[in-house]
Amino acid sequence: MPNIPDYDHDLYSDDAILDPYPHYAAMRALGPVVHLPRHGLYALSRYADVKRALLNHTHFISGEGVAGFEWPEAFRVPTTLSTDEPTHSRFRTIIGAPLQPPQLERLTAEIETAADDLIARLVSRESFDGIAELAHVLPVSIVSTLVGLPERGRQRMLDWAAASFDLLGVGNARAAAAAERIGEMMHYVQTECRPDTVAPGGWAAQIWQAVEEGRITPAEAGVLHIDILAPALDTTIFAIGHLLHRLAGAPDQWARLKQDRALIPDAIDEAVRLESPIRAFARVTQGDQNVDGITVPAGARVLMMYASANRDDRRWDDPDRYWIERPGLSGHLGFGQGRHTCAGMHLAKLEMRSLMKAILARVDTIEVDAPRYRLNNVLRGFESLPTRFHAAA
């Protein structure tokens, strides 16, 4: 049986976070499975292997945590992200109910109006920060209202979300620094999120309704507030930033999009493929697993490297190019795959479509300066993106 090659680099160092793609290419070249000795992890970096493992939820499980290390006992709570069947589907049915397209349809007009108002204001500006003043606005204003958590939680959503993703990497200094903030978040959901404190009709209220119906316990309700609090914002904010950046840097693709606005969904998916906001989550093997002739041992913690898979030239022609009419684009792994596909995907796409409709209607050209990246163990995105809109005639 072939040996598993080592890749002796720290994928969670500042340098690797800022410039990850040479690492991913080197890992794909080494073989279908690589061992990361610095972290005691294995990794799948090729598209076909990552997709196959994500769909094999009984042998690559989430229930022992999806971080790259085993969390301290105090943080091991069964969220939707870190559970297997049947608990996962029971939880997902509850938190996913308001995020399905029929339910989101009722929000479309409101979100599109908010997006158009935002872009109208920004077009009149000489320049602005494409993250703080554009990408943040819809997710923060819309999602924080829909969630319906008590005020302190809405104010801390972004900070707690960033900490959550840092803790989903490996046990480095960033994760250690995040732990205190995660403790604050867990204390908040356990003590301040109650049926009498959440907004009527909001997503949090629907969790407590599920308790009344006997579908979850009160303790599980407290945990599920983490699912609507932590991951709801950053991934969408970063995807919007990547979309702006890529369209500004590809005038031919921007021109094609101006010609055919039916390509808006493809422009969004291609930005998510090319700059996957979530780099990787882990799974744990149940029994020895064969990956393209390589045996991954039982109980191994294995990174599913979405961002690498989405640039695998075995799957994609010219994978480093932003190409909105790319064949097979719907198969990208930027939102995950299988039962753990991103529950908020449809809302994220609705927000991004609404922004793109407004931008295309009001903007002739987009210009950006060099972005400043945020350093996070799991997320890839910008801290700031100097942007200019030139108004359409």
Protein backbone atom coordinates (compact mmCIF):
# COMPACT_ATOMS: atom_id res chain seq x y z
CA MET A 1 0.00 0.00 0.00
CA PRO A 2 1.51 3.40 -0.94
CA ASN A 3 2.76 5.60 1.87
CA ILE A 4 1.05 8.92 2.59
CA PRO A 5 3.46 11.78 1.79
CA ASP A 6 4.16 14.49 4.35
CA TYR A 7 3.58 18.15 3.60
CA ASP A 8 5.65 19.78 6.31
CA HIS A 9 4.30 23.32 6.20
CA ASP A 10 1.98 25.24 8.51
CA LEU A 11 -1.16 25.93 6.47
CA TYR A 12 -2.38 28.18 9.29
CA SER A 13 0.61 30.51 9.40
CA ASP A 14 0.12 34.14 8.41
CA ASP A 15 2.04 33.61 5.18
CA ALA A 16 -0.01 30.57 4.17
CA ILE A 17 -3.29 32.34 4.93
CA LEU A 18 -2.27 35.33 2.83
CA ASP A 19 -0.95 33.23 -0.08
CA PRO A 20 -2.45 29.74 0.17
CA TYR A 21 -2.67 28.65 -3.45
CA PRO A 22 0.96 27.53 -3.98
CA HIS A 23 0.52 25.30 -0.93
CA TYR A 24 -2.66 23.80 -2.32
CA ALA A 25 -1.04 23.11 -5.70
CA ALA A 26 1.92 21.43 -4.02
CA MET A 27 -0.39 19.24 -1.95
CA ARG A 28 -2.44 18.19 -4.97
CA ALA A 29 0.78 17.25 -6.77
CA LEU A 30 1.94 15.03 -3.89
CA GLY A 31 -1.05 12.68 -4.09
CA PRO A 32 -4.70 12.13 -3.19
CA VAL A 33 -3.93 12.23 0.56
CA VAL A 34 -1.21 14.14 2.36
CA HIS A 35 -0.15 14.10 6.00
CA LEU A 36 0.36 17.42 7.80
CA PRO A 37 2.83 16.50 10.56
CA ARG A 38 2.81 19.96 12.14
CA HIS A 39 -0.86 19.54 12.98
CA GLY A 40 -1.30 15.77 13.22
CA LEU A 41 -3.81 15.94 10.37
CA TYR A 42 -4.43 14.35 7.01
CA ALA A 43 -5.79 16.37 4.09
CA LEU A 44 -7.69 15.78 0.88
CA SER A 45 -6.92 18.54 -1.61
CA ARG A 46 -8.15 17.21 -4.97
CA TYR A 47 -11.68 17.93 -6.17
CA ALA A 48 -12.92 14.39 -6.77
CA ASP A 49 -11.61 13.11 -3.43
CA VAL A 50 -13.02 16.00 -1.41
CA LYS A 51 -16.43 15.72 -3.04
CA ARG A 52 -16.55 11.93 -2.58
CA ALA A 53 -15.62 12.21 1.10
CA LEU A 54 -18.18 14.95 1.76
CA LEU A 55 -20.90 12.76 0.29
CA ASN A 56 -19.74 9.78 2.38
CA HIS A 57 -21.13 11.14 5.65
CA THR A 58 -21.21 7.76 7.38
CA HIS A 59 -17.46 7.17 7.06
CA PHE A 60 -16.17 10.75 7.14
CA ILE A 61 -18.17 12.04 10.07
CA SER A 62 -18.78 15.48 11.57
CA GLY A 63 -19.95 14.36 15.00
CA GLU A 64 -16.45 14.41 16.51
CA GLY A 65 -15.97 18.03 15.48
CA VAL A 66 -15.06 19.72 12.20
CA ALA A 67 -12.08 21.69 13.52
CA GLY A 68 -8.54 20.61 12.76
CA PHE A 69 -8.03 19.67 16.41
CA GLU A 70 -10.08 18.25 19.26
CA TRP A 71 -11.77 21.08 21.10
CA PRO A 72 -11.60 21.58 24.86
CA GLU A 73 -14.46 19.83 26.60
CA ALA A 74 -16.24 23.09 27.44
CA PHE A 75 -16.75 23.88 23.75
CA ARG A 76 -17.92 20.45 22.58
CA VAL A 77 -21.59 21.20 22.04
CA PRO A 78 -23.64 19.46 19.34
CA THR A 79 -24.33 22.18 16.75
CA THR A 80 -25.80 21.49 13.30
CA LEU A 81 -22.30 21.77 11.84
CA SER A 82 -20.83 19.18 14.21
CA THR A 83 -23.49 16.46 14.33
CA ASP A 84 -24.29 13.37 12.29
CA GLU A 85 -27.58 11.65 11.56
CA PRO A 86 -30.23 11.61 12.84
CA THR A 87 -29.48 14.67 14.98
CA HIS A 88 -28.09 16.68 12.09
CA SER A 89 -31.28 16.49 10.01
CA ARG A 90 -33.44 17.23 13.05
CA PHE A 91 -31.44 20.38 13.79
CA ARG A 92 -31.11 21.43 10.16
CA THR A 93 -34.85 21.19 9.57
CA ILE A 94 -35.33 23.79 12.30
CA ILE A 95 -32.57 26.28 11.50
CA GLY A 96 -32.94 25.80 7.74
CA ALA A 97 -36.70 26.35 7.55
CA PRO A 98 -36.59 30.16 7.23
CA LEU A 99 -33.67 29.94 4.77
CA GLN A 100 -35.42 28.00 2.02
CA PRO A 101 -36.23 29.78 -1.28
CA PRO A 102 -40.04 29.91 -0.75
CA GLN A 103 -39.55 31.64 2.62
CA LEU A 104 -36.87 33.96 1.27
CA GLU A 105 -39.11 34.97 -1.62
CA ARG A 106 -41.05 37.15 0.80
CA LEU A 107 -37.86 39.09 1.55
CA THR A 108 -36.74 39.63 -2.03
CA ALA A 109 -38.38 43.01 -2.65
CA GLU A 110 -37.12 44.39 0.68
CA ILE A 111 -33.57 43.21 0.08
CA GLU A 112 -33.50 44.48 -3.51
CA THR A 113 -34.73 47.91 -2.39
CA ALA A 114 -32.11 48.06 0.36
CA ALA A 115 -29.41 47.03 -2.13
CA ASP A 116 -30.43 49.67 -4.66
CA ASP A 117 -30.52 52.40 -2.00
CA LEU A 118 -27.05 51.38 -0.84
CA ILE A 119 -25.52 51.40 -4.32
CA ALA A 120 -27.19 54.72 -5.16
CA ARG A 121 -25.45 56.27 -2.14
CA LEU A 122 -22.08 54.74 -2.96
CA VAL A 123 -22.13 55.81 -6.62
CA SER A 124 -22.26 59.42 -5.46
CA ARG A 125 -19.08 58.95 -3.40
CA GLU A 126 -15.58 59.47 -4.78
CA SER A 127 -14.44 56.25 -3.12
CA PHE A 128 -15.42 53.93 -0.28
CA ASP A 129 -14.40 50.77 1.52
CA GLY A 130 -15.99 47.88 -0.37
CA ILE A 131 -16.05 45.78 2.81
CA ALA A 132 -17.11 48.09 5.64
CA GLU A 133 -19.35 50.30 3.53
CA LEU A 134 -20.76 47.79 1.03
CA ALA A 135 -20.22 44.11 1.81
CA HIS A 136 -21.09 44.49 5.50
CA VAL A 137 -24.27 46.45 5.05
CA LEU A 138 -26.89 44.01 3.79
CA PRO A 139 -25.77 40.95 5.78
CA VAL A 140 -25.51 42.91 9.02
CA SER A 141 -28.72 44.90 8.65
CA ILE A 142 -30.86 42.12 7.17
CA VAL A 143 -29.55 39.07 9.02
CA SER A 144 -29.27 40.65 12.45
CA THR A 145 -32.92 41.71 12.18
CA LEU A 146 -34.10 38.34 10.90
CA VAL A 147 -32.27 36.44 13.63
CA GLY A 148 -34.11 38.40 16.29
CA LEU A 149 -31.59 37.91 19.11
CA PRO A 150 -31.36 40.20 22.14
CA GLU A 151 -29.46 43.43 21.37
CA ARG A 152 -26.04 42.50 22.81
CA GLY A 153 -25.87 39.46 20.56
CA ARG A 154 -26.65 41.46 17.43
CA GLN A 155 -23.86 43.90 18.29
CA ARG A 156 -21.33 41.09 18.79
CA MET A 157 -22.28 38.85 15.82
CA LEU A 158 -19.30 39.77 13.63
CA ASP A 159 -16.76 39.45 16.42
CA TRP A 160 -18.13 36.13 17.65
CA ALA A 161 -18.37 34.78 14.10
CA ALA A 162 -14.71 35.54 13.40
CA ALA A 163 -13.72 33.89 16.68
CA SER A 164 -15.80 30.81 15.85
CA PHE A 165 -13.98 30.31 12.57
CA ASP A 166 -10.58 30.84 14.19
CA LEU A 167 -11.46 28.04 16.60
CA LEU A 168 -12.42 25.79 13.68
CA GLY A 169 -8.83 25.74 12.41
CA VAL A 170 -6.00 24.26 14.45
CA GLY A 171 -4.93 24.80 18.04
CA ASN A 172 -2.65 27.76 17.38
CA ALA A 173 -2.36 31.19 18.96
CA ARG A 174 -5.28 32.52 16.91
CA ALA A 175 -7.52 29.76 18.24
CA ALA A 176 -6.37 30.37 21.79
CA ALA A 177 -7.14 34.07 21.46
CA ALA A 178 -10.59 33.23 20.10
CA ALA A 179 -11.48 30.90 22.97
CA GLU A 180 -12.36 33.68 25.41
CA ARG A 181 -14.76 35.26 22.92
CA ILE A 182 -16.35 31.88 22.22
CA GLY A 183 -16.86 31.45 25.95
CA GLU A 184 -18.65 34.82 26.01
CA MET A 185 -20.86 33.75 23.10
CA MET A 186 -21.79 30.45 24.72
CA HIS A 187 -22.60 32.19 28.01
CA TYR A 188 -24.77 34.65 26.10
CA VAL A 189 -26.85 32.02 24.30
CA GLN A 190 -27.24 29.97 27.46
CA THR A 191 -28.32 32.86 29.70
CA GLU A 192 -29.76 35.65 27.56
CA CYS A 193 -31.51 33.89 24.66
CA ARG A 194 -34.89 32.88 26.08
CA PRO A 195 -38.41 32.74 24.67
CA ASP A 196 -39.17 36.05 26.39
CA THR A 197 -36.07 37.88 25.10
CA VAL A 198 -35.96 36.98 21.41
CA ALA A 199 -37.95 38.95 18.85
CA PRO A 200 -41.36 37.48 17.95
CA GLY A 201 -41.33 35.88 14.51
CA GLY A 202 -37.54 35.85 14.21
CA TRP A 203 -35.34 32.84 13.57
CA ALA A 204 -34.52 32.54 17.27
CA ALA A 205 -38.23 32.52 18.12
CA GLN A 206 -38.73 29.65 15.67
CA ILE A 207 -36.14 27.64 17.60
CA TRP A 208 -38.15 28.08 20.79
CA GLN A 209 -41.32 27.18 18.91
CA ALA A 210 -39.64 23.87 18.03
CA VAL A 211 -39.14 23.31 21.77
CA GLU A 212 -42.85 23.84 22.37
CA GLU A 213 -43.60 21.31 19.63
CA GLY A 214 -41.30 18.75 21.25
CA ARG A 215 -38.84 18.57 18.33
CA ILE A 216 -35.84 19.68 20.39
CA THR A 217 -35.04 20.07 24.08
CA PRO A 218 -34.49 23.45 25.78
CA ALA A 219 -30.78 22.64 26.05
CA GLU A 220 -30.61 21.93 22.31
CA ALA A 221 -32.41 25.22 21.64
CA GLY A 222 -29.65 27.07 23.44
CA VAL A 223 -27.02 25.39 21.28
CA LEU A 224 -28.93 26.08 18.06
CA HIS A 225 -28.69 29.80 18.71
CA ILE A 226 -24.98 29.41 17.95
CA ASP A 227 -25.90 28.15 14.48
CA ILE A 228 -27.82 31.32 13.63
CA LEU A 229 -25.39 33.62 15.42
CA ALA A 230 -21.88 32.61 14.39
CA PRO A 231 -21.80 31.61 10.70
CA ALA A 232 -24.48 33.89 9.25
CA LEU A 233 -22.41 36.92 8.23
CA ASP A 234 -18.69 36.59 7.49
CA THR A 235 -18.91 34.11 4.65
CA THR A 236 -21.41 36.29 2.78
CA ILE A 237 -19.43 39.48 3.47
CA PHE A 238 -16.24 37.88 2.16
CA ALA A 239 -17.99 36.46 -0.91
CA ILE A 240 -19.30 39.93 -1.78
CA GLY A 241 -15.80 41.35 -1.39
CA HIS A 242 -14.31 38.67 -3.63
CA LEU A 243 -17.02 39.28 -6.25
CA LEU A 244 -16.26 43.02 -6.37
CA HIS A 245 -12.53 42.39 -6.52
CA ARG A 246 -12.76 39.82 -9.29
CA LEU A 247 -15.15 41.83 -11.47
CA ALA A 248 -12.93 44.89 -11.15
CA GLY A 249 -9.92 42.83 -12.22
CA ALA A 250 -11.61 41.16 -15.20
CA PRO A 251 -13.00 43.88 -17.49
CA ASP A 252 -13.94 41.31 -20.13
CA GLN A 253 -16.11 39.43 -17.63
CA TRP A 254 -17.67 42.65 -16.35
CA ALA A 255 -18.51 43.62 -19.95
CA ARG A 256 -20.04 40.20 -20.56
CA LEU A 257 -22.13 40.55 -17.43
CA LYS A 258 -23.30 44.00 -18.53
CA GLN A 259 -24.40 42.43 -21.81
CA ASP A 260 -26.28 39.53 -20.22
CA ARG A 261 -27.58 39.95 -16.68
CA ALA A 262 -28.86 36.40 -16.70
CA LEU A 263 -25.22 35.56 -15.91
CA ILE A 264 -25.42 37.14 -12.43
CA PRO A 265 -25.80 33.75 -10.65
CA ASP A 266 -22.78 32.43 -12.55
CA ALA A 267 -20.70 35.49 -11.68
CA ILE A 268 -21.48 34.84 -8.02
CA ASP A 269 -20.72 31.12 -8.17
CA GLU A 270 -17.45 31.72 -10.00
CA ALA A 271 -16.28 34.18 -7.34
CA VAL A 272 -17.14 31.65 -4.61
CA ARG A 273 -15.33 28.88 -6.51
CA LEU A 274 -12.21 30.90 -7.16
CA GLU A 275 -11.90 32.47 -3.69
CA SER A 276 -13.71 30.03 -1.42
CA PRO A 277 -14.56 31.99 1.75
CA ILE A 278 -14.16 28.82 3.83
CA ARG A 279 -10.79 27.19 3.26
CA ALA A 280 -11.39 23.81 4.91
CA PHE A 281 -13.28 21.91 7.59
CA ALA A 282 -12.30 18.53 9.00
CA ARG A 283 -14.00 15.16 9.19
CA VAL A 284 -13.04 12.09 11.26
CA THR A 285 -12.79 8.67 9.66
CA GLN A 286 -14.97 5.82 10.86
CA GLY A 287 -12.79 2.80 10.13
CA ASP A 288 -9.95 2.70 7.62
CA GLN A 289 -10.91 4.55 4.44
CA ASN A 290 -9.58 4.03 0.93
CA VAL A 291 -8.95 7.23 -1.01
CA ASP A 292 -7.68 6.52 -4.52
CA GLY A 293 -5.71 3.50 -3.33
CA ILE A 294 -4.39 5.22 -0.18
CA THR A 295 -5.55 3.98 3.22
CA VAL A 296 -6.47 6.71 5.67
CA PRO A 297 -6.46 5.14 9.14
CA ALA A 298 -9.51 4.89 11.37
CA GLY A 299 -10.00 7.82 13.71
CA ALA A 300 -7.95 10.19 11.54
CA ARG A 301 -8.88 13.85 11.45
CA VAL A 302 -8.94 14.78 7.75
CA LEU A 303 -9.17 18.26 6.26
CA MET A 304 -11.66 18.66 3.42
CA MET A 305 -9.90 21.40 1.48
CA TYR A 306 -12.70 23.16 -0.40
CA ALA A 307 -10.50 26.02 -1.57
CA SER A 308 -7.92 23.65 -3.05
CA ALA A 309 -10.54 21.41 -4.68
CA ASN A 310 -12.07 24.46 -6.33
CA ARG A 311 -8.78 25.17 -8.12
CA ASP A 312 -7.91 21.58 -9.07
CA ASP A 313 -6.95 21.46 -12.76
CA ARG A 314 -8.13 17.84 -12.86
CA ARG A 315 -11.64 19.29 -12.60
CA TRP A 316 -11.40 22.84 -13.95
CA ASP A 317 -9.82 24.22 -17.12
CA ASP A 318 -7.61 27.24 -16.41
CA PRO A 319 -8.69 27.08 -12.76
CA ASP A 320 -7.04 30.33 -11.61
CA ARG A 321 -9.04 32.43 -14.08
CA TYR A 322 -12.26 34.25 -13.22
CA TRP A 323 -14.61 33.02 -15.97
CA ILE A 324 -18.34 33.48 -15.43
CA GLU A 325 -19.35 31.15 -18.27
CA ARG A 326 -17.20 28.32 -16.98
CA PRO A 327 -18.65 24.87 -17.87
CA GLY A 328 -19.83 22.83 -14.89
CA LEU A 329 -19.68 25.77 -12.52
CA SER A 330 -22.61 24.54 -10.44
CA GLY A 331 -20.39 21.69 -9.23
CA HIS A 332 -18.05 23.89 -7.19
CA LEU A 333 -17.58 23.12 -3.49
CA GLY A 334 -17.55 26.68 -2.16
CA PHE A 335 -20.79 26.08 -0.26
CA GLY A 336 -19.82 22.55 0.73
CA GLN A 337 -21.51 19.40 -0.52
CA GLY A 338 -23.91 16.78 0.74
CA ARG A 339 -25.86 16.97 3.97
CA HIS A 340 -23.65 19.69 5.39
CA THR A 341 -24.06 22.06 2.44
CA CYS A 342 -24.23 25.64 3.73
CA ALA A 343 -27.70 26.21 5.19
CA GLY A 344 -27.53 29.93 4.45
CA MET A 345 -26.51 29.54 0.80
CA HIS A 346 -29.82 30.74 -0.64
CA LEU A 347 -29.91 33.86 1.53
CA ALA A 348 -26.29 34.67 0.65
CA LYS A 349 -27.04 34.32 -3.05
CA LEU A 350 -30.18 36.46 -2.73
CA GLU A 351 -28.17 39.26 -1.10
CA MET A 352 -25.43 39.02 -3.71
CA ARG A 353 -27.90 38.91 -6.63
CA SER A 354 -29.67 41.98 -5.27
CA LEU A 355 -26.41 43.89 -4.99
CA MET A 356 -25.30 42.88 -8.48
CA LYS A 357 -28.61 43.98 -10.01
CA ALA A 358 -28.22 47.39 -8.42
CA ILE A 359 -24.55 47.70 -9.39
CA LEU A 360 -25.21 46.73 -12.99
CA ALA A 361 -28.03 49.27 -13.20
CA ARG A 362 -26.06 52.16 -11.71
CA VAL A 363 -22.35 51.50 -12.32
CA ASP A 364 -20.38 51.70 -15.54
CA THR A 365 -17.04 50.48 -14.22
CA ILE A 366 -15.65 49.20 -10.91
CA GLU A 367 -12.16 50.08 -9.72
CA VAL A 368 -10.43 48.66 -6.65
CA ASP A 369 -7.05 49.16 -5.03
CA ALA A 370 -5.07 46.42 -3.31
CA PRO A 371 -7.16 44.73 -0.62
CA ARG A 372 -6.05 44.14 2.95
CA TYR A 373 -6.74 40.56 4.05
CA ARG A 374 -8.11 39.51 7.39
CA LEU A 375 -6.05 36.81 9.11
CA ASN A 376 -8.35 33.97 10.15
CA ASN A 377 -7.68 30.25 10.49
CA VAL A 378 -10.60 29.18 8.29
CA LEU A 379 -11.99 32.22 6.48
CA ARG A 380 -10.41 33.87 3.44
CA GLY A 381 -11.49 37.42 2.84
CA PHE A 382 -10.71 41.09 3.00
CA GLU A 383 -10.51 43.39 5.97
CA SER A 384 -10.80 46.33 3.58
CA LEU A 385 -11.10 46.92 -0.16
CA PRO A 386 -10.70 50.50 -1.45
CA THR A 387 -13.36 50.82 -4.17
CA ARG A 388 -14.62 53.35 -6.70
CA PHE A 389 -17.81 53.18 -8.73
CA HIS A 390 -18.06 55.16 -11.95
CA ALA A 391 -21.70 55.92 -12.57
CA ALA A 392 -23.51 54.63 -15.62
CA ALA A 393 -24.65 57.28 -18.06
